[in-house]
């Protein structure tokens, strides 16, 4: 995974987030899908020997 995207677009109380969960998940999906589609259209870059991308935080 090369990116991370939150469900909430602004701070809100947990109770409000639970009430709006369906709306928030739909909105987050609509924001994330263009990034996924773009990634699938980018050409694959060959790795250069001796260089690595930074490790992901897990």
N, C-alpha and C. Protein backbone atom coordinates (compact mmCIF):
# COMPACT_ATOMS: atom_id res chain seq x y z
N UNK A 1 0.85 -1.17 0.00
CA UNK A 1 0.00 0.00 0.00
C UNK A 1 0.91 1.24 0.00
N UNK A 2 0.56 2.19 -0.84
CA UNK A 2 1.35 3.41 -0.96
C UNK A 2 0.67 4.64 -0.37
N UNK A 3 -0.56 4.51 0.09
CA UNK A 3 -1.28 5.67 0.61
C UNK A 3 -2.25 5.25 1.70
N UNK A 4 -2.63 6.22 2.48
CA UNK A 4 -3.60 6.00 3.55
C UNK A 4 -4.61 7.13 3.47
N UNK A 5 -5.86 6.81 3.64
CA UNK A 5 -6.91 7.82 3.49
C UNK A 5 -7.92 7.62 4.61
N UNK A 6 -8.23 8.68 5.35
CA UNK A 6 -9.16 8.58 6.45
C UNK A 6 -10.61 8.58 6.03
N UNK A 7 -11.47 8.07 6.90
CA UNK A 7 -12.90 8.06 6.62
C UNK A 7 -13.50 9.43 6.93
N UNK A 8 -13.06 10.04 8.02
CA UNK A 8 -13.60 11.35 8.40
C UNK A 8 -12.87 12.45 7.65
N UNK A 9 -13.59 13.41 7.13
CA UNK A 9 -12.98 14.53 6.43
C UNK A 9 -12.79 15.73 7.34
N UNK A 10 -13.34 15.65 8.56
CA UNK A 10 -13.20 16.73 9.55
C UNK A 10 -13.41 16.12 10.94
N UNK A 11 -12.90 16.77 11.97
CA UNK A 11 -13.12 16.26 13.33
C UNK A 11 -14.62 16.22 13.65
N UNK A 12 -15.05 15.17 14.34
CA UNK A 12 -16.43 15.10 14.79
C UNK A 12 -16.52 14.17 15.98
N UNK A 13 -17.58 14.32 16.72
CA UNK A 13 -17.81 13.48 17.89
C UNK A 13 -18.06 12.04 17.45
N UNK A 14 -17.61 11.07 18.26
CA UNK A 14 -17.84 9.67 17.90
C UNK A 14 -19.32 9.33 17.67
N UNK A 15 -20.20 9.88 18.48
CA UNK A 15 -21.63 9.59 18.32
C UNK A 15 -22.13 10.05 16.96
N UNK A 16 -21.70 11.23 16.52
CA UNK A 16 -22.10 11.73 15.21
C UNK A 16 -21.52 10.84 14.10
N UNK A 17 -20.26 10.43 14.26
CA UNK A 17 -19.62 9.57 13.26
C UNK A 17 -20.39 8.25 13.13
N UNK A 18 -20.83 7.69 14.25
CA UNK A 18 -21.60 6.45 14.21
C UNK A 18 -22.94 6.65 13.51
N UNK A 19 -23.59 7.76 13.78
CA UNK A 19 -24.88 8.04 13.14
C UNK A 19 -24.73 8.24 11.63
N UNK A 20 -23.61 8.79 11.23
CA UNK A 20 -23.38 9.11 9.81
C UNK A 20 -22.46 8.10 9.13
N UNK A 21 -22.26 6.93 9.72
CA UNK A 21 -21.28 5.95 9.23
C UNK A 21 -21.48 5.61 7.75
N UNK A 22 -22.69 5.33 7.35
CA UNK A 22 -22.95 4.97 5.95
C UNK A 22 -22.55 6.10 5.01
N UNK A 23 -22.96 7.30 5.34
CA UNK A 23 -22.61 8.48 4.53
C UNK A 23 -21.10 8.70 4.48
N UNK A 24 -20.44 8.57 5.63
CA UNK A 24 -19.00 8.80 5.70
C UNK A 24 -18.22 7.75 4.91
N UNK A 25 -18.64 6.49 4.98
CA UNK A 25 -17.96 5.43 4.23
C UNK A 25 -18.16 5.61 2.72
N UNK A 26 -19.36 6.00 2.33
CA UNK A 26 -19.62 6.25 0.92
C UNK A 26 -18.75 7.40 0.41
N UNK A 27 -18.68 8.47 1.18
CA UNK A 27 -17.87 9.63 0.79
C UNK A 27 -16.39 9.27 0.71
N UNK A 28 -15.90 8.52 1.69
CA UNK A 28 -14.49 8.12 1.69
C UNK A 28 -14.17 7.23 0.49
N UNK A 29 -15.09 6.35 0.15
CA UNK A 29 -14.90 5.48 -1.02
C UNK A 29 -14.84 6.30 -2.29
N UNK A 30 -15.74 7.28 -2.41
CA UNK A 30 -15.75 8.13 -3.60
C UNK A 30 -14.47 8.97 -3.71
N UNK A 31 -13.86 9.32 -2.58
CA UNK A 31 -12.60 10.07 -2.62
C UNK A 31 -11.42 9.15 -2.93
N UNK A 32 -11.48 7.90 -2.49
CA UNK A 32 -10.35 6.98 -2.66
C UNK A 32 -10.30 6.33 -4.04
N UNK A 33 -11.45 6.05 -4.63
CA UNK A 33 -11.46 5.34 -5.91
C UNK A 33 -10.68 6.03 -7.02
N UNK A 34 -10.76 7.35 -7.17
CA UNK A 34 -9.95 7.98 -8.22
C UNK A 34 -8.45 7.73 -8.04
N UNK A 35 -7.98 7.66 -6.79
CA UNK A 35 -6.56 7.38 -6.56
C UNK A 35 -6.22 5.96 -6.99
N UNK A 36 -7.12 5.02 -6.73
CA UNK A 36 -6.88 3.63 -7.11
C UNK A 36 -6.87 3.49 -8.63
N UNK A 37 -7.83 4.13 -9.29
CA UNK A 37 -7.91 4.07 -10.75
C UNK A 37 -6.66 4.69 -11.36
N UNK A 38 -6.22 5.83 -10.84
CA UNK A 38 -5.01 6.49 -11.35
C UNK A 38 -3.81 5.57 -11.20
N UNK A 39 -3.70 4.91 -10.05
CA UNK A 39 -2.56 4.03 -9.80
C UNK A 39 -2.53 2.87 -10.79
N UNK A 40 -3.69 2.35 -11.16
CA UNK A 40 -3.71 1.24 -12.10
C UNK A 40 -3.35 1.68 -13.51
N UNK A 41 -3.43 2.97 -13.79
CA UNK A 41 -3.10 3.48 -15.12
C UNK A 41 -1.66 3.94 -15.26
N UNK A 42 -0.96 4.08 -14.13
CA UNK A 42 0.43 4.52 -14.19
C UNK A 42 1.33 3.37 -14.63
N UNK A 43 2.38 3.69 -15.41
CA UNK A 43 3.29 2.62 -15.82
C UNK A 43 4.09 2.10 -14.63
N UNK A 44 4.42 0.83 -14.67
CA UNK A 44 5.23 0.22 -13.61
C UNK A 44 6.67 0.64 -13.83
N UNK A 45 7.31 1.14 -12.77
CA UNK A 45 8.71 1.57 -12.89
C UNK A 45 9.62 0.43 -12.46
N UNK A 46 10.67 0.20 -13.24
CA UNK A 46 11.65 -0.82 -12.89
C UNK A 46 12.44 -0.36 -11.67
N UNK A 47 12.70 -1.29 -10.77
CA UNK A 47 13.48 -0.95 -9.59
C UNK A 47 14.95 -0.86 -9.95
N UNK A 48 15.62 0.14 -9.41
CA UNK A 48 17.04 0.33 -9.65
C UNK A 48 17.81 -0.37 -8.54
N UNK A 49 18.78 -1.16 -8.91
CA UNK A 49 19.56 -1.91 -7.93
C UNK A 49 20.21 -0.97 -6.93
N UNK A 50 20.10 -1.31 -5.65
CA UNK A 50 20.73 -0.52 -4.60
C UNK A 50 19.85 0.58 -4.05
N UNK A 51 18.67 0.79 -4.59
CA UNK A 51 17.76 1.81 -4.05
C UNK A 51 16.47 1.14 -3.65
N UNK A 52 15.90 1.64 -2.57
CA UNK A 52 14.64 1.10 -2.09
C UNK A 52 13.74 2.25 -1.66
N UNK A 53 12.44 2.01 -1.75
CA UNK A 53 11.50 2.99 -1.22
C UNK A 53 11.52 2.87 0.30
N UNK A 54 11.20 3.96 0.99
CA UNK A 54 11.15 3.89 2.46
C UNK A 54 10.13 2.83 2.90
N UNK A 55 10.42 2.17 4.01
CA UNK A 55 9.50 1.15 4.49
C UNK A 55 8.22 1.81 5.00
N UNK A 56 7.13 1.09 4.94
CA UNK A 56 5.84 1.59 5.39
C UNK A 56 5.76 1.47 6.91
N UNK A 57 5.01 2.37 7.51
CA UNK A 57 4.73 2.28 8.93
C UNK A 57 3.59 1.31 9.10
N UNK A 58 3.76 0.33 9.94
CA UNK A 58 2.71 -0.68 10.13
C UNK A 58 2.14 -0.60 11.51
